[in-house]
Structure formats: C-alpha cells, structure tokens
PDB file of N, CA and C in Angstrom:
ATOM      1  N   MET A   1       9.329   9.069   9.690  1.00  0.00           N
ATOM      2  CA  MET A   1       8.742   8.262  10.305  1.00  0.00           C
ATOM      3  C   MET A   1       9.559   6.864  10.972  1.00  0.00           C
ATOM      4  N   LYS A   2       9.971   6.961  11.148  1.00  0.00           N
ATOM      5  CA  LYS A   2      11.173   5.646  11.986  1.00  0.00           C
ATOM      6  C   LYS A   2      10.071   4.603  13.225  1.00  0.00           C
ATOM      7  N   ALA A   3      10.650   3.659  13.036  1.00  0.00           N
ATOM      8  CA  ALA A   3      10.105   3.107  14.267  1.00  0.00           C
ATOM      9  C   ALA A   3      10.088   3.522  15.865  1.00  0.00           C
ATOM     10  N   SER A   4      11.881   4.049  15.939  1.00  0.00           N
ATOM     11  CA  SER A   4      12.314   4.945  17.320  1.00  0.00           C
ATOM     12  C   SER A   4      12.397   6.387  17.258  1.00  0.00           C
ATOM     13  N   VAL A   5      11.593   7.119  15.945  1.00  0.00           N
ATOM     14  CA  VAL A   5      11.145   8.211  16.323  1.00  0.00           C
ATOM     15  C   VAL A   5       9.477   8.650  16.395  1.00  0.00           C
ATOM     16  N   MET A   6       9.303   7.156  16.291  1.00  0.00           N
ATOM     17  CA  MET A   6       7.660   7.113  16.587  1.00  0.00           C
ATOM     18  C   MET A   6       6.588   7.429  17.815  1.00  0.00           C
ATOM     19  N   GLY A   7       7.995   7.097  18.596  1.00  0.00           N
ATOM     20  CA  GLY A   7       7.484   7.274  20.572  1.00  0.00           C
ATOM     21  C   GLY A   7       7.434   5.403  20.707  1.00  0.00           C
ATOM     22  N   ASP A   8       5.592   5.592  20.784  1.00  0.00           N
ATOM     23  CA  ASP A   8       4.644   3.868  21.263  1.00  0.00           C
ATOM     24  C   ASP A   8       5.520   3.457  20.271  1.00  0.00           C
ATOM     25  N   ALA A   9       5.886   1.657  20.723  1.00  0.00           N
ATOM     26  CA  ALA A   9       6.918   1.364  19.122  1.00  0.00           C
ATOM     27  C   ALA A   9       5.164   0.819  17.967  1.00  0.00           C
ATOM     28  N   PRO A  10       5.704   0.695  17.062  1.00  0.00           N
ATOM     29  CA  PRO A  10       4.602   0.823  16.052  1.00  0.00           C
ATOM     30  C   PRO A  10       3.914  -1.093  16.017  1.00  0.00           C
ATOM     31  N   GLN A  11       1.981   0.171  15.500  1.00  0.00           N
ATOM     32  CA  GLN A  11       1.652  -1.810  15.349  1.00  0.00           C
ATOM     33  C   GLN A  11       1.430  -1.553  13.896  1.00  0.00           C
ATOM     34  N   GLN A  12       0.658  -3.631  13.657  1.00  0.00           N
ATOM     35  CA  GLN A  12       1.568  -3.663  12.739  1.00  0.00           C
ATOM     36  C   GLN A  12      -0.310  -3.496  11.252  1.00  0.00           C
ATOM     37  N   PHE A  13       0.209  -2.935  10.565  1.00  0.00           N
ATOM     38  CA  PHE A  13      -1.292  -3.049   9.408  1.00  0.00           C
ATOM     39  C   PHE A  13      -1.400  -3.553   8.281  1.00  0.00           C
ATOM     40  N   ILE A  14      -2.341  -3.883   7.239  1.00  0.00           N
ATOM     41  CA  ILE A  14      -1.934  -4.638   6.148  1.00  0.00           C
ATOM     42  C   ILE A  14      -3.353  -3.762   5.329  1.00  0.00           C
ATOM     43  N   TYR A  15      -2.980  -3.014   3.670  1.00  0.00           N
ATOM     44  CA  TYR A  15      -3.915  -3.156   3.697  1.00  0.00           C
ATOM     45  C   TYR A  15      -4.000  -3.253   2.446  1.00  0.00           C
ATOM     46  N   PHE A  16      -5.247  -4.086   1.633  1.00  0.00           N
ATOM     47  CA  PHE A  16      -4.927  -4.822   0.357  1.00  0.00           C
ATOM     48  C   PHE A  16      -5.708  -3.290  -0.892  1.00  0.00           C
ATOM     49  N   LEU A  17      -5.563  -3.779  -2.189  1.00  0.00           N
ATOM     50  CA  LEU A  17      -5.485  -2.651  -2.571  1.00  0.00           C
ATOM     51  C   LEU A  17      -5.985  -3.500  -4.604  1.00  0.00           C
ATOM     52  N   ARG A  18      -7.610  -3.412  -5.225  1.00  0.00           N
ATOM     53  CA  ARG A  18      -7.759  -3.674  -5.950  1.00  0.00           C
ATOM     54  C   ARG A  18      -8.639  -3.224  -6.664  1.00  0.00           C
ATOM     55  N   ALA A  19      -7.776  -2.948  -8.253  1.00  0.00           N
ATOM     56  CA  ALA A  19      -8.125  -2.123  -8.843  1.00  0.00           C
ATOM     57  C   ALA A  19      -9.692  -2.181  -9.715  1.00  0.00           C
ATOM     58  N   LYS A  20     -10.480  -0.798  -9.149  1.00  0.00           N
ATOM     59  CA  LYS A  20     -11.419  -0.649 -10.517  1.00  0.00           C
ATOM     60  C   LYS A  20     -11.425  -0.395 -11.478  1.00  0.00           C
ATOM     61  N   ARG A  21     -10.739  -0.429 -12.050  1.00  0.00           N
ATOM     62  CA  ARG A  21     -10.863  -1.252 -13.410  1.00  0.00           C
ATOM     63  C   ARG A  21      -9.817  -1.924 -14.073  1.00  0.00           C
ATOM     64  N   LEU A  22     -10.619  -2.720 -14.175  1.00  0.00           N
ATOM     65  CA  LEU A  22     -10.150  -3.624 -14.290  1.00  0.00           C
ATOM     66  C   LEU A  22      -8.888  -4.231 -15.767  1.00  0.00           C
ATOM     67  N   GLU A  23      -8.953  -2.799 -16.747  1.00  0.00           N
ATOM     68  CA  GLU A  23      -8.975  -3.298 -18.250  1.00  0.00           C
ATOM     69  C   GLU A  23      -7.225  -2.364 -17.754  1.00  0.00           C
ATOM     70  N   MET A  24      -7.234  -1.828 -16.833  1.00  0.00           N
ATOM     71  CA  MET A  24      -5.781  -1.361 -16.774  1.00  0.00           C
ATOM     72  C   MET A  24      -4.836  -2.803 -16.506  1.00  0.00           C
ATOM     73  N   LEU A  25      -5.270  -3.122 -15.234  1.00  0.00           N
ATOM     74  CA  LEU A  25      -4.553  -4.161 -15.525  1.00  0.00           C
ATOM     75  C   LEU A  25      -4.372  -5.585 -16.796  1.00  0.00           C
ATOM     76  N   THR A  26      -5.443  -5.696 -17.727  1.00  0.00           N
ATOM     77  CA  THR A  26      -5.529  -6.411 -18.231  1.00  0.00           C
ATOM     78  C   THR A  26      -5.476  -5.701 -19.819  1.00  0.00           C
ATOM     79  N   ASN A  27      -5.658  -4.636 -20.254  1.00  0.00           N
ATOM     80  CA  ASN A  27      -5.348  -4.270 -21.302  1.00  0.00           C
ATOM     81  C   ASN A  27      -4.221  -3.264 -20.958  1.00  0.00           C
ATOM     82  N   GLY A  28      -2.923  -2.781 -20.070  1.00  0.00           N
ATOM     83  CA  GLY A  28      -2.354  -1.933 -19.317  1.00  0.00           C
ATOM     84  C   GLY A  28      -3.307  -0.489 -19.636  1.00  0.00           C
ATOM     85  N   PRO A  29      -2.434   0.744 -18.593  1.00  0.00           N
ATOM     86  CA  PRO A  29      -3.071   1.184 -18.442  1.00  0.00           C
ATOM     87  C   PRO A  29      -3.172   2.218 -18.817  1.00  0.00           C
ATOM     88  N   THR A  30      -3.907   3.591 -18.773  1.00  0.00           N
ATOM     89  CA  THR A  30      -4.056   4.518 -20.188  1.00  0.00           C
ATOM     90  C   THR A  30      -3.428   5.441 -19.385  1.00  0.00           C
ATOM     91  N   ALA A  31      -2.811   7.092 -19.956  1.00  0.00           N
ATOM     92  CA  ALA A  31      -1.214   7.604 -19.349  1.00  0.00           C
ATOM     93  C   ALA A  31      -1.942   8.369 -18.303  1.00  0.00           C
ATOM     94  N   GLU A  32      -2.480   8.536 -17.935  1.00  0.00           N
ATOM     95  CA  GLU A  32      -3.020   8.629 -16.116  1.00  0.00           C
ATOM     96  C   GLU A  32      -3.050   7.750 -15.030  1.00  0.00           C
ATOM     97  N   GLU A  33      -3.593   6.759 -16.114  1.00  0.00           N
ATOM     98  CA  GLU A  33      -3.162   5.856 -14.842  1.00  0.00           C
ATOM     99  C   GLU A  33      -1.949   5.675 -15.028  1.00  0.00           C
ATOM    100  N   ALA A  34      -0.036   5.329 -15.753  1.00  0.00           N
ATOM    101  CA  ALA A  34       0.228   5.055 -15.332  1.00  0.00           C
ATOM    102  C   ALA A  34       1.388   5.892 -14.657  1.00  0.00           C
ATOM    103  N   ARG A  35       0.655   6.813 -14.739  1.00  0.00           N
ATOM    104  CA  ARG A  35       1.271   8.729 -13.851  1.00  0.00           C
ATOM    105  C   ARG A  35       1.145   7.960 -12.717  1.00  0.00           C
ATOM    106  N   ILE A  36       0.092   7.528 -11.903  1.00  0.00           N
ATOM    107  CA  ILE A  36      -0.221   7.217 -10.506  1.00  0.00           C
ATOM    108  C   ILE A  36       0.008   6.033 -10.733  1.00  0.00           C
ATOM    109  N   GLN A  37       0.378   5.100 -11.301  1.00  0.00           N
ATOM    110  CA  GLN A  37       1.403   4.520 -10.999  1.00  0.00           C
ATOM    111  C   GLN A  37       2.607   4.185 -10.113  1.00  0.00           C
ATOM    112  N   THR A  38       2.608   5.844 -11.388  1.00  0.00           N
ATOM    113  CA  THR A  38       4.635   6.154 -10.495  1.00  0.00           C
ATOM    114  C   THR A  38       4.640   6.894  -9.539  1.00  0.00           C
ATOM    115  N   GLU A  39       3.549   7.639  -9.363  1.00  0.00           N
ATOM    116  CA  GLU A  39       3.657   8.160  -8.524  1.00  0.00           C
ATOM    117  C   GLU A  39       3.639   7.296  -6.819  1.00  0.00           C
ATOM    118  N   HIS A  40       2.599   5.738  -7.273  1.00  0.00           N
ATOM    119  CA  HIS A  40       1.971   5.761  -6.196  1.00  0.00           C
ATOM    120  C   HIS A  40       2.877   4.018  -5.260  1.00  0.00           C
ATOM    121  N   GLY A  41       4.540   3.963  -6.561  1.00  0.00           N
ATOM    122  CA  GLY A  41       5.345   2.869  -6.238  1.00  0.00           C
ATOM    123  C   GLY A  41       6.752   4.514  -6.186  1.00  0.00           C
ATOM    124  N   ASN A  42       6.560   5.242  -5.692  1.00  0.00           N
ATOM    125  CA  ASN A  42       7.354   6.006  -5.467  1.00  0.00           C
ATOM    126  C   ASN A  42       6.799   6.741  -3.874  1.00  0.00           C
ATOM    127  N   TYR A  43       6.075   6.691  -3.547  1.00  0.00           N
ATOM    128  CA  TYR A  43       4.803   6.991  -2.923  1.00  0.00           C
ATOM    129  C   TYR A  43       5.887   6.085  -1.713  1.00  0.00           C
ATOM    130  N   LEU A  44       5.428   4.803  -1.871  1.00  0.00           N
ATOM    131  CA  LEU A  44       6.182   3.168  -1.427  1.00  0.00           C
ATOM    132  C   LEU A  44       6.833   3.252  -0.892  1.00  0.00           C
ATOM    133  N   ALA A  45       8.036   3.617  -1.810  1.00  0.00           N
ATOM    134  CA  ALA A  45       9.356   3.324  -2.160  1.00  0.00           C
ATOM    135  C   ALA A  45       9.727   5.145  -0.394  1.00  0.00           C
ATOM    136  N   GLY A  46      10.400   6.077  -0.455  1.00  0.00           N
ATOM    137  CA  GLY A  46       9.664   6.535   0.173  1.00  0.00           C
ATOM    138  C   GLY A  46       9.282   6.480   2.321  1.00  0.00           C
ATOM    139  N   LEU A  47       8.724   5.534   1.308  1.00  0.00           N
ATOM    140  CA  LEU A  47       7.750   5.053   3.568  1.00  0.00           C
ATOM    141  C   LEU A  47       8.545   4.079   2.952  1.00  0.00           C
ATOM    142  N   ALA A  48       8.723   2.784   2.251  1.00  0.00           N
ATOM    143  CA  ALA A  48       9.805   2.084   2.901  1.00  0.00           C
ATOM    144  C   ALA A  48      11.501   2.793   3.138  1.00  0.00           C
ATOM    145  N   ALA A  49      11.876   3.591   2.692  1.00  0.00           N
ATOM    146  CA  ALA A  49      12.641   4.444   2.912  1.00  0.00           C
ATOM    147  C   ALA A  49      12.836   4.935   3.922  1.00  0.00           C
ATOM    148  N   ARG A  50      11.514   5.292   4.825  1.00  0.00           N
ATOM    149  CA  ARG A  50      11.954   5.775   6.686  1.00  0.00           C
ATOM    150  C   ARG A  50      10.895   3.837   6.802  1.00  0.00           C
ATOM    151  N   GLY A  51      11.350   3.187   7.226  1.00  0.00           N
ATOM    152  CA  GLY A  51      10.709   2.041   7.833  1.00  0.00           C
ATOM    153  C   GLY A  51       9.246   2.125   7.972  1.00  0.00           C
ATOM    154  N   VAL A  52       8.671   2.086   7.424  1.00  0.00           N
ATOM    155  CA  VAL A  52       7.048   2.310   7.689  1.00  0.00           C
ATOM    156  C   VAL A  52       7.025   1.330   7.055  1.00  0.00           C
ATOM    157  N   VAL A  53       6.634   1.244   5.504  1.00  0.00           N
ATOM    158  CA  VAL A  53       6.253   0.199   4.807  1.00  0.00           C
ATOM    159  C   VAL A  53       7.740  -0.810   4.875  1.00  0.00           C
ATOM    160  N   ILE A  54       6.446  -2.708   5.503  1.00  0.00           N
ATOM    161  CA  ILE A  54       7.577  -3.634   5.596  1.00  0.00           C
ATOM    162  C   ILE A  54       7.771  -4.781   4.122  1.00  0.00           C
ATOM    163  N   LEU A  55       6.022  -4.050   3.490  1.00  0.00           N
ATOM    164  CA  LEU A  55       5.744  -5.277   2.591  1.00  0.00           C
ATOM    165  C   LEU A  55       5.171  -4.789   1.618  1.00  0.00           C
ATOM    166  N   ALA A  56       5.506  -4.437   0.029  1.00  0.00           N
ATOM    167  CA  ALA A  56       4.706  -4.378  -0.741  1.00  0.00           C
ATOM    168  C   ALA A  56       4.474  -4.878  -1.978  1.00  0.00           C
ATOM    169  N   GLY A  57       3.634  -5.643  -2.562  1.00  0.00           N
ATOM    170  CA  GLY A  57       3.460  -6.007  -3.740  1.00  0.00           C
ATOM    171  C   GLY A  57       2.282  -7.030  -4.319  1.00  0.00           C
ATOM    172  N   ARG A  58       2.170  -7.349  -5.699  1.00  0.00           N
ATOM    173  CA  ARG A  58      -0.092  -7.184  -5.811  1.00  0.00           C
ATOM    174  C   ARG A  58       0.804  -9.025  -6.438  1.00  0.00           C
ATOM    175  N   THR A  59      -0.928  -9.408  -6.890  1.00  0.00           N
ATOM    176  CA  THR A  59      -0.215 -10.772  -7.036  1.00  0.00           C
ATOM    177  C   THR A  59      -1.007 -10.482  -8.538  1.00  0.00           C
ATOM    178  N   THR A  60      -0.095 -11.538  -9.298  1.00  0.00           N
ATOM    179  CA  THR A  60       0.234 -11.348 -10.320  1.00  0.00           C
ATOM    180  C   THR A  60      -1.011 -11.966 -11.786  1.00  0.00           C
ATOM    181  N   ASN A  61      -1.356 -12.969 -11.265  1.00  0.00           N
ATOM    182  CA  ASN A  61      -1.946 -11.898 -12.418  1.00  0.00           C
ATOM    183  C   ASN A  61      -3.576 -11.102 -12.738  1.00  0.00           C
ATOM    184  N   ASN A  62      -4.116 -11.033 -13.368  1.00  0.00           N
ATOM    185  CA  ASN A  62      -4.788  -9.442 -14.109  1.00  0.00           C
ATOM    186  C   ASN A  62      -5.897 -10.514 -14.842  1.00  0.00           C
ATOM    187  N   ASP A  63      -6.739 -11.040 -13.117  1.00  0.00           N
ATOM    188  CA  ASP A  63      -8.696 -10.698 -13.552  1.00  0.00           C
ATOM    189  C   ASP A  63      -8.524 -10.488 -12.262  1.00  0.00           C
ATOM    190  N   GLU A  64     -10.221 -10.758 -11.723  1.00  0.00           N
ATOM    191  CA  GLU A  64     -10.628  -9.819 -10.946  1.00  0.00           C
ATOM    192  C   GLU A  64     -11.050 -10.404  -8.943  1.00  0.00           C
ATOM    193  N   THR A  65      -9.681 -10.549  -9.494  1.00  0.00           N
ATOM    194  CA  THR A  65      -9.513 -11.691  -8.009  1.00  0.00           C
ATOM    195  C   THR A  65      -7.913 -10.726  -7.611  1.00  0.00           C
ATOM    196  N   THR A  66      -7.154  -9.790  -8.669  1.00  0.00           N
ATOM    197  CA  THR A  66      -6.038  -9.605  -8.135  1.00  0.00           C
ATOM    198  C   THR A  66      -6.321  -8.984  -7.291  1.00  0.00           C
ATOM    199  N   VAL A  67      -4.993  -8.444  -6.364  1.00  0.00           N
ATOM    200  CA  VAL A  67      -4.877  -7.513  -5.012  1.00  0.00           C
ATOM    201  C   VAL A  67      -3.249  -7.464  -5.296  1.00  0.00           C
ATOM    202  N   GLY A  68      -3.344  -5.824  -4.589  1.00  0.00           N
ATOM    203  CA  GLY A  68      -2.387  -5.183  -4.178  1.00  0.00           C
ATOM    204  C   GLY A  68      -2.572  -4.787  -2.813  1.00  0.00           C
ATOM    205  N   ILE A  69      -0.904  -5.373  -2.097  1.00  0.00           N
ATOM    206  CA  ILE A  69      -0.413  -5.673  -0.249  1.00  0.00           C
ATOM    207  C   ILE A  69       0.433  -4.199   0.292  1.00  0.00           C
ATOM    208  N   VAL A  70       0.326  -4.542   0.456  1.00  0.00           N
ATOM    209  CA  VAL A  70       1.153  -3.054   1.456  1.00  0.00           C
ATOM    210  C   VAL A  70       0.680  -3.128   2.794  1.00  0.00           C
ATOM    211  N   ILE A  71       2.411  -4.333   3.737  1.00  0.00           N
ATOM    212  CA  ILE A  71       2.355  -4.047   5.664  1.00  0.00           C
ATOM    213  C   ILE A  71       2.976  -2.478   5.689  1.00  0.00           C
ATOM    214  N   ILE A  72       2.364  -2.631   6.758  1.00  0.00           N
ATOM    215  CA  ILE A  72       3.121  -0.460   7.280  1.00  0.00           C
ATOM    216  C   ILE A  72       2.830  -0.880   8.626  1.00  0.00           C
ATOM    217  N   ASN A  73       4.105  -0.677   9.933  1.00  0.00           N
ATOM    218  CA  ASN A  73       4.027  -0.041  10.896  1.00  0.00           C
ATOM    219  C   ASN A  73       2.666   2.035  10.863  1.00  0.00           C
ATOM    220  N   ALA A  74       2.686   1.463  11.640  1.00  0.00           N
ATOM    221  CA  ALA A  74       2.327   2.879  12.031  1.00  0.00           C
ATOM    222  C   ALA A  74       1.924   2.996  13.330  1.00  0.00           C
ATOM    223  N   PRO A  75       1.889   4.283  14.245  1.00  0.00           N
ATOM    224  CA  PRO A  75       1.622   3.691  15.928  1.00  0.00           C
ATOM    225  C   PRO A  75       0.602   3.711  16.360  1.00  0.00           C
ATOM    226  N   ASP A  76      -0.446   3.689  14.547  1.00  0.00           N
ATOM    227  CA  ASP A  76      -1.840   3.307  15.381  1.00  0.00           C
ATOM    228  C   ASP A  76      -2.747   3.459  13.759  1.00  0.00           C
ATOM    229  N   LEU A  77      -3.958   2.778  14.833  1.00  0.00           N
ATOM    230  CA  LEU A  77      -5.487   3.429  13.298  1.00  0.00           C
ATOM    231  C   LEU A  77      -5.441   4.188  13.157  1.00  0.00           C
ATOM    232  N   THR A  78      -5.713   5.065  13.027  1.00  0.00           N
ATOM    233  CA  THR A  78      -5.591   6.855  12.169  1.00  0.00           C
ATOM    234  C   THR A  78      -4.822   7.360  11.557  1.00  0.00           C
ATOM    235  N   ALA A  79      -3.031   6.671  12.193  1.00  0.00           N
ATOM    236  CA  ALA A  79      -2.176   6.986  11.195  1.00  0.00           C
ATOM    237  C   ALA A  79      -1.942   5.841  10.360  1.00  0.00           C
ATOM    238  N   ALA A  80      -2.282   4.860  10.851  1.00  0.00           N
ATOM    239  CA  ALA A  80      -2.225   4.032   9.713  1.00  0.00           C
ATOM    240  C   ALA A  80      -3.101   4.228   8.407  1.00  0.00           C
ATOM    241  N   GLN A  81      -4.260   4.751   8.487  1.00  0.00           N
ATOM    242  CA  GLN A  81      -5.685   4.783   7.257  1.00  0.00           C
ATOM    243  C   GLN A  81      -5.633   6.108   7.119  1.00  0.00           C
ATOM    244  N   GLU A  82      -3.581   6.672   7.675  1.00  0.00           N
ATOM    245  CA  GLU A  82      -4.115   8.674   6.930  1.00  0.00           C
ATOM    246  C   GLU A  82      -3.269   8.253   5.527  1.00  0.00           C
ATOM    247  N   ILE A  83      -2.167   6.746   6.534  1.00  0.00           N
ATOM    248  CA  ILE A  83      -0.472   6.242   5.092  1.00  0.00           C
ATOM    249  C   ILE A  83      -1.060   5.667   3.806  1.00  0.00           C
ATOM    250  N   MET A  84      -2.577   4.930   4.284  1.00  0.00           N
ATOM    251  CA  MET A  84      -3.129   4.050   2.716  1.00  0.00           C
ATOM    252  C   MET A  84      -3.807   5.422   1.836  1.00  0.00           C
ATOM    253  N   GLU A  85      -4.960   6.763   2.980  1.00  0.00           N
ATOM    254  CA  GLU A  85      -5.556   6.947   2.163  1.00  0.00           C
ATOM    255  C   GLU A  85      -4.729   8.343   0.802  1.00  0.00           C
ATOM    256  N   ARG A  86      -3.102   8.519   1.885  1.00  0.00           N
ATOM    257  CA  ARG A  86      -2.748   8.582   0.476  1.00  0.00           C
ATOM    258  C   ARG A  86      -1.316   8.203   0.071  1.00  0.00           C
ATOM    259  N   ASP A  87      -2.072   6.776  -0.706  1.00  0.00           N
ATOM    260  CA  ASP A  87      -1.522   6.396  -1.583  1.00  0.00           C
ATOM    261  C   ASP A  87      -2.260   6.597  -2.533  1.00  0.00           C
ATOM    262  N   PRO A  88      -0.911   7.516  -3.437  1.00  0.00           N
ATOM    263  CA  PRO A  88      -1.296   8.067  -4.941  1.00  0.00           C
ATOM    264  C   PRO A  88      -2.787   7.378  -5.367  1.00  0.00           C
ATOM    265  N   PHE A  89      -3.480   5.660  -5.067  1.00  0.00           N
ATOM    266  CA  PHE A  89      -3.839   4.180  -5.867  1.00  0.00           C
ATOM    267  C   PHE A  89      -4.582   4.126  -5.426  1.00  0.00           C
ATOM    268  N   VAL A  90      -5.302   5.201  -4.176  1.00  0.00           N
ATOM    269  CA  VAL A  90      -6.548   5.232  -2.953  1.00  0.00           C
ATOM    270  C   VAL A  90      -6.991   6.988  -3.600  1.00  0.00           C
ATOM    271  N   LYS A  91      -6.248   8.275  -3.541  1.00  0.00           N
ATOM    272  CA  LYS A  91      -6.344   9.497  -3.519  1.00  0.00           C
ATOM    273  C   LYS A  91      -6.935   9.114  -4.629  1.00  0.00           C
ATOM    274  N   SER A  92      -6.337   9.269  -5.215  1.00  0.00           N
ATOM    275  CA  SER A  92      -7.096   9.518  -7.301  1.00  0.00           C
ATOM    276  C   SER A  92      -8.639   8.215  -7.558  1.00  0.00           C
ATOM    277  N   SER A  93      -9.304   7.374  -6.558  1.00  0.00           N
ATOM    278  CA  SER A  93     -10.140   6.357  -6.414  1.00  0.00           C
ATOM    279  C   SER A  93      -9.973   5.425  -8.206  1.00  0.00           C
ATOM    280  N   LEU A  94      -8.044   5.125  -8.335  1.00  0.00           N
ATOM    281  CA  LEU A  94      -8.197   4.283  -9.355  1.00  0.00           C
ATOM    282  C   LEU A  94      -8.092   2.679  -8.086  1.00  0.00           C
ATOM    283  N   MET A  95      -7.987   3.151  -7.092  1.00  0.00           N
ATOM    284  CA  MET A  95      -8.526   1.860  -6.490  1.00  0.00           C
ATOM    285  C   MET A  95      -8.965   1.234  -5.223  1.00  0.00           C
ATOM    286  N   THR A  96     -10.036   0.790  -5.106  1.00  0.00           N
ATOM    287  CA  THR A  96     -10.341   0.629  -3.808  1.00  0.00           C
ATOM    288  C   THR A  96      -9.530   0.611  -2.675  1.00  0.00           C
ATOM    289  N   ALA A  97      -9.610   0.593  -1.695  1.00  0.00           N
ATOM    290  CA  ALA A  97      -8.159  -0.479  -0.272  1.00  0.00           C
ATOM    291  C   ALA A  97      -9.037  -0.694   1.042  1.00  0.00           C
ATOM    292  N   ALA A  98      -8.689  -1.477   2.042  1.00  0.00           N
ATOM    293  CA  ALA A  98      -9.249  -1.963   2.056  1.00  0.00           C
ATOM    294  C   ALA A  98      -8.411  -1.981   3.893  1.00  0.00           C
ATOM    295  N   LEU A  99      -8.053  -1.476   4.698  1.00  0.00           N
ATOM    296  CA  LEU A  99      -7.638  -1.404   6.471  1.00  0.00           C
ATOM    297  C   LEU A  99      -7.255  -2.359   7.029  1.00  0.00           C
ATOM    298  N   PHE A 100      -6.720  -3.568   7.519  1.00  0.00           N
ATOM    299  CA  PHE A 100      -6.376  -4.222   8.209  1.00  0.00           C
ATOM    300  C   PHE A 100      -5.653  -4.412   9.283  1.00  0.00           C
ATOM    301  N   PRO A 101      -5.643  -4.038  10.955  1.00  0.00           N
ATOM    302  CA  PRO A 101      -4.661  -4.279  11.508  1.00  0.00           C
ATOM    303  C   PRO A 101      -4.144  -5.588  11.586  1.00  0.00           C
ATOM    304  N   PHE A 102      -2.896  -5.694  11.307  1.00  0.00           N
ATOM    305  CA  PHE A 102      -2.063  -7.516  10.638  1.00  0.00           C
ATOM    306  C   PHE A 102      -0.647  -7.399  11.961  1.00  0.00           C
ATOM    307  N   ARG A 103       0.063  -8.534  12.416  1.00  0.00           N
ATOM    308  CA  ARG A 103       0.700  -9.124  12.357  1.00  0.00           C
ATOM    309  C   ARG A 103       1.702  -9.193  12.220  1.00  0.00           C
ATOM    310  N   VAL A 104       2.873  -9.483  12.164  1.00  0.00           N
ATOM    311  CA  VAL A 104       3.860 -10.163  11.390  1.00  0.00           C
ATOM    312  C   VAL A 104       4.828 -11.279  12.828  1.00  0.00           C
ATOM    313  N   VAL A 105       4.658 -12.849  11.688  1.00  0.00           N
ATOM    314  CA  VAL A 105       4.715 -13.588  12.784  1.00  0.00           C
ATOM    315  C   VAL A 105       6.159 -13.212  12.556  1.00  0.00           C
ATOM    316  N   ASN A 106       6.610 -13.710  11.380  1.00  0.00           N
ATOM    317  CA  ASN A 106       7.316 -14.810  10.474  1.00  0.00           C
ATOM    318  C   ASN A 106       8.830 -14.189  10.104  1.00  0.00           C
ATOM    319  N   ARG A 107       9.572 -13.423   9.782  1.00  0.00           N
ATOM    320  CA  ARG A 107      10.178 -13.195   8.725  1.00  0.00           C
ATOM    321  C   ARG A 107      11.876 -12.984   8.291  1.00  0.00           C
ATOM    322  N   SER A 108      12.133 -13.447   7.362  1.00  0.00           N
ATOM    323  CA  SER A 108      13.787 -14.447   7.048  1.00  0.00           C
ATOM    324  C   SER A 108      14.734 -12.806   7.547  1.00  0.00           C
ATOM    325  N   GLY A 109      15.898 -13.103   6.884  1.00  0.00           N
ATOM    326  CA  GLY A 109      16.847 -11.812   7.241  1.00  0.00           C
ATOM    327  C   GLY A 109      16.505 -11.479   8.319  1.00  0.00           C
TER     328      GLY A 109
END
C-alpha cells in the first residue's frame, strides 16, 4: 500500500490512542497486554515498511494524560478507519482510539 500504488495521492490522518487500564502503564502490562503490545509494534512496523505509517510514538508520562499517536497515509477516511481498527490495541479494546484528518506541514530529512 505504498503511496505510488494506491492510485490517488494519499491523504494523511492521525489517530490518538489512550489506555483503558492505566495500570498497564503505571504497573506494567499483564502477559496478555504485553503480547498485544508486541503485536501492535509489529503491525505498525509492517505498515511503516509499506509507507503507510509516517510516524508513531507516545508521550513518556504514565498518567491519565498519556497518549499515543499514529500518523498515516491513506487514500480516504474509510481506509484510514480500517487501518486504525486493525491496530491490535484497538482491535483488542485495550485502548480507545480517535481518528482525525491531518496534514504534515514540516518534516525534517
């Protein structure tokens, strides 16, 4: 799903992730949460390798304001929604997610 094979120029979207169980961050994940966290990392790495994920990361605080972000290229809102919903954190309901249209204005490198 590289931009060059998607047909139309891709649009950019951002989704925000918030943990439903704060203790996953403050006390560490359970074995199941750790497994899903690994799946989440692999999912995003695979999308990054295909040019879909532009950037992914999280704030380093471990309180109720902690947020993860994923900036993606997608042909439209429906495709972006699918990408977000397939994220193992979202699919498993460990995290809530909110999707927004986004535009990268400045990029280094």
